[in-house]
Protein backbone atom coordinates (compact mmCIF):
# COMPACT_ATOMS: atom_id res chain seq x y z
CA LEU A 1 -193.10 219.11 -173.76
CA SER A 2 -190.38 219.65 -171.41
CA ALA A 3 -188.30 216.76 -170.07
CA PRO A 4 -189.91 217.59 -166.38
CA SER A 5 -193.40 217.45 -167.91
CA THR A 6 -192.93 214.11 -169.50
CA ALA A 7 -191.35 212.71 -166.49
CA LYS A 8 -194.55 213.73 -164.48
CA ILE A 9 -196.82 212.27 -167.04
CA ASN A 10 -194.66 208.71 -166.88
CA LEU A 11 -194.54 209.01 -163.16
CA ALA A 12 -198.57 209.34 -162.86
CA LEU A 13 -199.13 206.44 -165.54
CA SER A 14 -196.61 204.44 -163.49
CA HIS A 15 -199.01 204.65 -160.79
CA ALA A 16 -202.31 204.48 -162.58
CA TRP A 17 -203.09 200.70 -161.72
CA ALA A 18 -202.50 198.86 -158.54
CA GLU A 19 -199.25 196.89 -158.12
CA SER A 20 -200.91 193.55 -158.49
CA THR A 21 -202.74 194.62 -161.42
CA SER A 22 -199.60 195.94 -163.23
CA ALA A 23 -197.99 192.45 -162.62
CA LYS A 24 -200.80 190.60 -164.14
CA TYR A 25 -200.84 193.06 -166.99
CA GLN A 26 -197.09 192.39 -167.51
CA ALA A 27 -197.60 189.05 -167.79
CA SER A 28 -200.21 189.52 -170.31
CA VAL A 29 -197.99 191.55 -172.46
CA ASP A 30 -195.20 188.92 -172.36
CA THR A 31 -197.77 186.26 -173.48
CA PHE A 32 -198.53 188.54 -176.43
CA LEU A 33 -194.79 189.08 -177.35
CA GLN A 34 -194.48 185.42 -177.11
CA PHE A 35 -197.12 184.94 -179.61
CA CYS A 36 -195.77 187.53 -181.88
CA GLU A 37 -192.15 185.93 -181.88
CA VAL A 38 -193.81 182.41 -182.79
CA GLU A 39 -195.73 184.28 -185.58
CA LEU A 40 -192.59 185.98 -186.85
CA VAL A 41 -194.55 189.42 -186.47
CA PRO A 42 -191.66 192.34 -186.82
CA PRO A 43 -191.32 194.18 -183.68
CA HIS A 44 -192.39 197.37 -185.27
CA LEU A 45 -195.70 195.79 -185.92
CA ARG A 46 -196.41 194.83 -182.38
CA LEU A 47 -196.90 198.25 -180.94
CA PRO A 48 -199.46 199.64 -181.73
CA ALA A 49 -200.99 196.24 -182.70
CA SER A 50 -203.37 195.99 -185.69
CA ASP A 51 -206.95 194.92 -185.13
CA ASN A 52 -205.92 191.60 -187.05
CA LEU A 53 -203.13 190.87 -184.87
CA LEU A 54 -205.17 191.13 -181.74
CA CYS A 55 -207.93 189.19 -183.11
CA ALA A 56 -205.41 186.32 -184.23
CA PHE A 57 -203.87 186.66 -180.58
CA ALA A 58 -207.29 186.22 -178.97
CA ALA A 59 -208.18 183.42 -181.34
CA SER A 60 -205.09 181.36 -180.57
CA LYS A 61 -206.54 180.75 -177.31
CA VAL A 62 -209.81 179.04 -178.46
CA GLY A 63 -210.52 175.74 -176.99
CA SER A 64 -207.80 176.19 -174.39
CA VAL A 65 -208.87 178.68 -171.81
CA SER A 66 -211.88 180.98 -170.93
CA ALA A 67 -212.92 183.96 -172.47
CA GLY A 68 -212.24 185.50 -169.18
CA ILE A 69 -208.78 184.86 -169.17
CA VAL A 70 -208.47 186.23 -172.89
CA GLN A 71 -210.12 189.45 -171.79
CA GLY A 72 -207.59 189.88 -169.35
CA TYR A 73 -204.99 189.46 -171.48
CA LEU A 74 -206.36 191.91 -173.83
CA ALA A 75 -206.86 194.59 -171.01
CA GLY A 76 -203.18 194.33 -170.17
CA ILE A 77 -202.15 194.85 -173.92
CA LYS A 78 -204.45 197.71 -173.96
CA ALA A 79 -202.92 199.00 -170.67
CA TRP A 80 -199.44 198.61 -172.51
CA HIS A 81 -200.68 200.74 -175.60
CA ILE A 82 -201.90 203.52 -173.20
CA LEU A 83 -198.37 203.47 -171.21
CA ASN A 84 -196.51 203.94 -174.70
CA ASN A 85 -199.11 206.41 -175.99
CA LYS A 86 -200.28 204.39 -178.70
CA PRO A 87 -203.62 204.15 -180.27
CA TRP A 88 -205.74 201.11 -179.59
CA LEU A 89 -206.85 199.68 -182.72
CA GLY A 90 -209.18 196.82 -181.55
CA SER A 91 -212.45 196.77 -183.30
CA LEU A 92 -215.85 195.29 -182.60
CA ARG A 93 -214.49 191.85 -184.29
CA ILE A 94 -212.58 191.12 -181.10
CA HIS A 95 -215.97 191.02 -179.17
CA TYR A 96 -217.05 188.27 -181.55
CA ILE A 97 -213.85 186.50 -181.42
CA LEU A 98 -214.29 186.62 -177.68
CA ASN A 99 -217.89 184.98 -178.08
CA GLY A 100 -216.37 182.38 -179.99
CA VAL A 101 -213.62 181.63 -177.35
CA ALA A 102 -216.31 181.41 -174.59
CA ASN A 103 -218.57 178.93 -176.73
CA LEU A 104 -215.63 176.93 -177.49
CA ALA A 105 -214.06 177.00 -174.09
CA PRO A 106 -213.31 173.39 -172.40
CA SER A 107 -215.07 172.46 -169.23
CA SER A 108 -211.75 172.50 -167.41
CA SER A 109 -211.52 176.13 -167.82
CA THR A 110 -214.16 176.91 -165.41
CA LYS A 111 -214.25 175.57 -162.15
CA PRO A 112 -217.74 175.05 -159.91
CA PRO A 113 -218.27 177.48 -157.15
CA ARG A 114 -216.50 176.73 -153.73
CA PRO A 115 -218.65 176.30 -150.75
CA PRO A 116 -219.25 179.49 -148.56
CA VAL A 117 -217.08 179.74 -145.67
CA SER A 118 -219.32 179.44 -142.37
CA HIS A 119 -219.38 180.18 -138.72
CA LEU A 120 -218.37 176.62 -138.02
CA MET A 121 -215.41 176.80 -139.98
CA LEU A 122 -214.36 179.83 -137.96
CA VAL A 123 -214.89 177.82 -134.78
CA LEU A 124 -213.08 174.73 -136.19
CA LEU A 125 -210.07 177.23 -136.91
CA ALA A 126 -209.89 178.56 -133.72
CA SER A 127 -210.10 174.94 -132.02
CA ASN A 128 -206.95 173.94 -134.05
CA LEU A 129 -204.84 177.32 -133.28
CA ASN A 130 -202.99 178.45 -130.28
CA LEU A 131 -204.14 181.94 -129.71
CA THR A 132 -201.04 182.43 -127.30
CA PHE A 133 -199.22 182.45 -130.35
CA ASN A 134 -198.66 185.72 -132.32
CA LEU A 135 -198.83 184.00 -135.69
CA ASP A 136 -201.64 181.82 -134.66
CA CYS A 137 -203.45 184.92 -133.09
CA CYS A 138 -203.04 187.05 -136.43
CA CYS A 139 -204.40 184.15 -138.51
CA PHE A 140 -207.48 184.00 -136.79
CA ALA A 141 -208.06 187.63 -136.37
CA ALA A 142 -207.55 187.92 -140.23
CA ALA A 143 -210.12 185.02 -140.94
CA CYS A 144 -212.57 186.76 -138.54
CA MET A 145 -211.99 190.26 -139.92
CA ALA A 146 -212.42 188.79 -143.53
CA PHE A 147 -215.80 186.84 -142.45
CA TRP A 148 -217.78 189.47 -140.31
CA GLY A 149 -216.34 192.60 -142.32
CA GLN A 150 -217.34 190.66 -145.79
CA LEU A 151 -213.92 191.58 -147.06
CA ARG A 152 -211.35 189.59 -149.40
CA LEU A 153 -208.34 188.75 -147.79
CA GLY A 154 -206.26 190.73 -150.47
CA GLU A 155 -207.88 193.71 -148.74
CA ILE A 156 -206.52 193.28 -145.27
CA LEU A 157 -203.32 191.01 -146.05
CA SER A 158 -200.28 191.87 -147.93
CA PRO A 159 -199.85 189.76 -151.20
CA TRP A 160 -195.77 189.28 -150.70
CA GLU A 161 -194.07 188.82 -147.66
CA LYS A 162 -190.90 190.17 -148.91
CA SER A 163 -192.48 193.43 -149.94
CA PHE A 164 -194.73 194.30 -147.04
CA SER A 165 -196.03 197.81 -147.15
CA SER A 166 -197.37 199.32 -143.86
CA SER A 167 -199.27 202.10 -146.10
CA ASN A 168 -201.35 199.48 -147.89
CA THR A 169 -201.74 196.72 -145.44
CA VAL A 170 -204.18 196.90 -142.27
CA CYS A 171 -202.46 196.90 -139.12
CA CYS A 172 -203.66 197.07 -135.34
CA SER A 173 -203.24 200.72 -135.60
CA HIS A 174 -205.97 200.75 -138.15
CA LEU A 175 -208.55 199.41 -135.77
CA MET A 176 -210.66 202.31 -133.79
CA PRO A 177 -211.86 202.19 -130.55
CA PRO A 178 -215.37 200.82 -129.74
CA PHE A 179 -218.30 203.47 -131.12
CA ASN A 180 -221.15 201.87 -129.30
CA GLU A 181 -222.11 200.05 -125.97
CA LYS A 182 -221.97 196.94 -128.13
CA GLY A 183 -218.34 196.97 -128.71
CA SER A 184 -218.48 197.40 -132.45
CA ARG A 185 -215.48 199.07 -134.17
CA LEU A 186 -214.43 200.66 -137.52
CA CYS A 187 -211.54 199.21 -139.25
CA HIS A 188 -209.84 201.47 -141.82
CA LEU A 189 -208.60 199.73 -144.99
CA PRO A 190 -205.73 201.94 -146.06
CA PHE A 191 -205.51 201.04 -149.68
CA THR A 192 -208.43 199.55 -151.78
CA LYS A 193 -208.46 198.71 -155.49
CA VAL A 194 -211.30 201.03 -156.05
CA ALA A 195 -210.53 203.93 -153.52
CA LYS A 196 -207.00 203.66 -153.78
CA SER A 197 -204.80 205.52 -150.94
CA ARG A 198 -207.97 207.22 -149.85
CA GLY A 199 -208.74 203.80 -148.55
CA GLU A 200 -212.21 202.87 -146.94
CA SER A 201 -213.49 202.09 -143.38
CA VAL A 202 -215.52 198.91 -142.59
CA VAL A 203 -217.71 198.16 -139.61
CA ILE A 204 -216.63 195.09 -137.43
CA CYS A 205 -219.64 194.34 -135.19
CA ARG A 206 -219.21 192.38 -132.11
CA GLN A 207 -220.20 188.93 -132.13
CA ALA A 208 -222.16 187.19 -129.38
CA ASP A 209 -219.51 184.31 -129.10
CA ALA A 210 -216.66 186.71 -129.36
């Protein structure tokens, strides 16, 4: 292939995952490479990683973390193979290794479900904020959007203050005018993990006590 074609492949792959996902995957690869250093695995045997090496890495976490965390590590390592155009050699054996990790996971690796956010919590939040201040008003608006729109905070807020991107973050301009006599509105999410840059729109219904 020509250099421009190869460059376009690399460009497309570099944008295949959300920025937050790429950061998690890189951390997974770093953890795997640290394991290889401890086990004295030569660099040329790390990529592609053999099935035995992948199983050994997964099994090294037994008794310390949940199987879900190990699955996340393996997802990052697999993405690393894809980026470098290397074959994934993991076999069905990894599935059973993960079963063992799950069965031997410490109780501390899982947390009980948190109580759900309630309307009363929003009322308490509002009573402790000064809505004439921009920051307080923004915090309360985000809380209401997440609650009434059934959204995750990560879908409407920037995860990093220093790398704010208006193309990925909900702004005032994304809230549409009311579309019915009740005052309900559409809010466009410019970027979501599934729809990517196509975004999605959610309905924010006017509340009786609003």
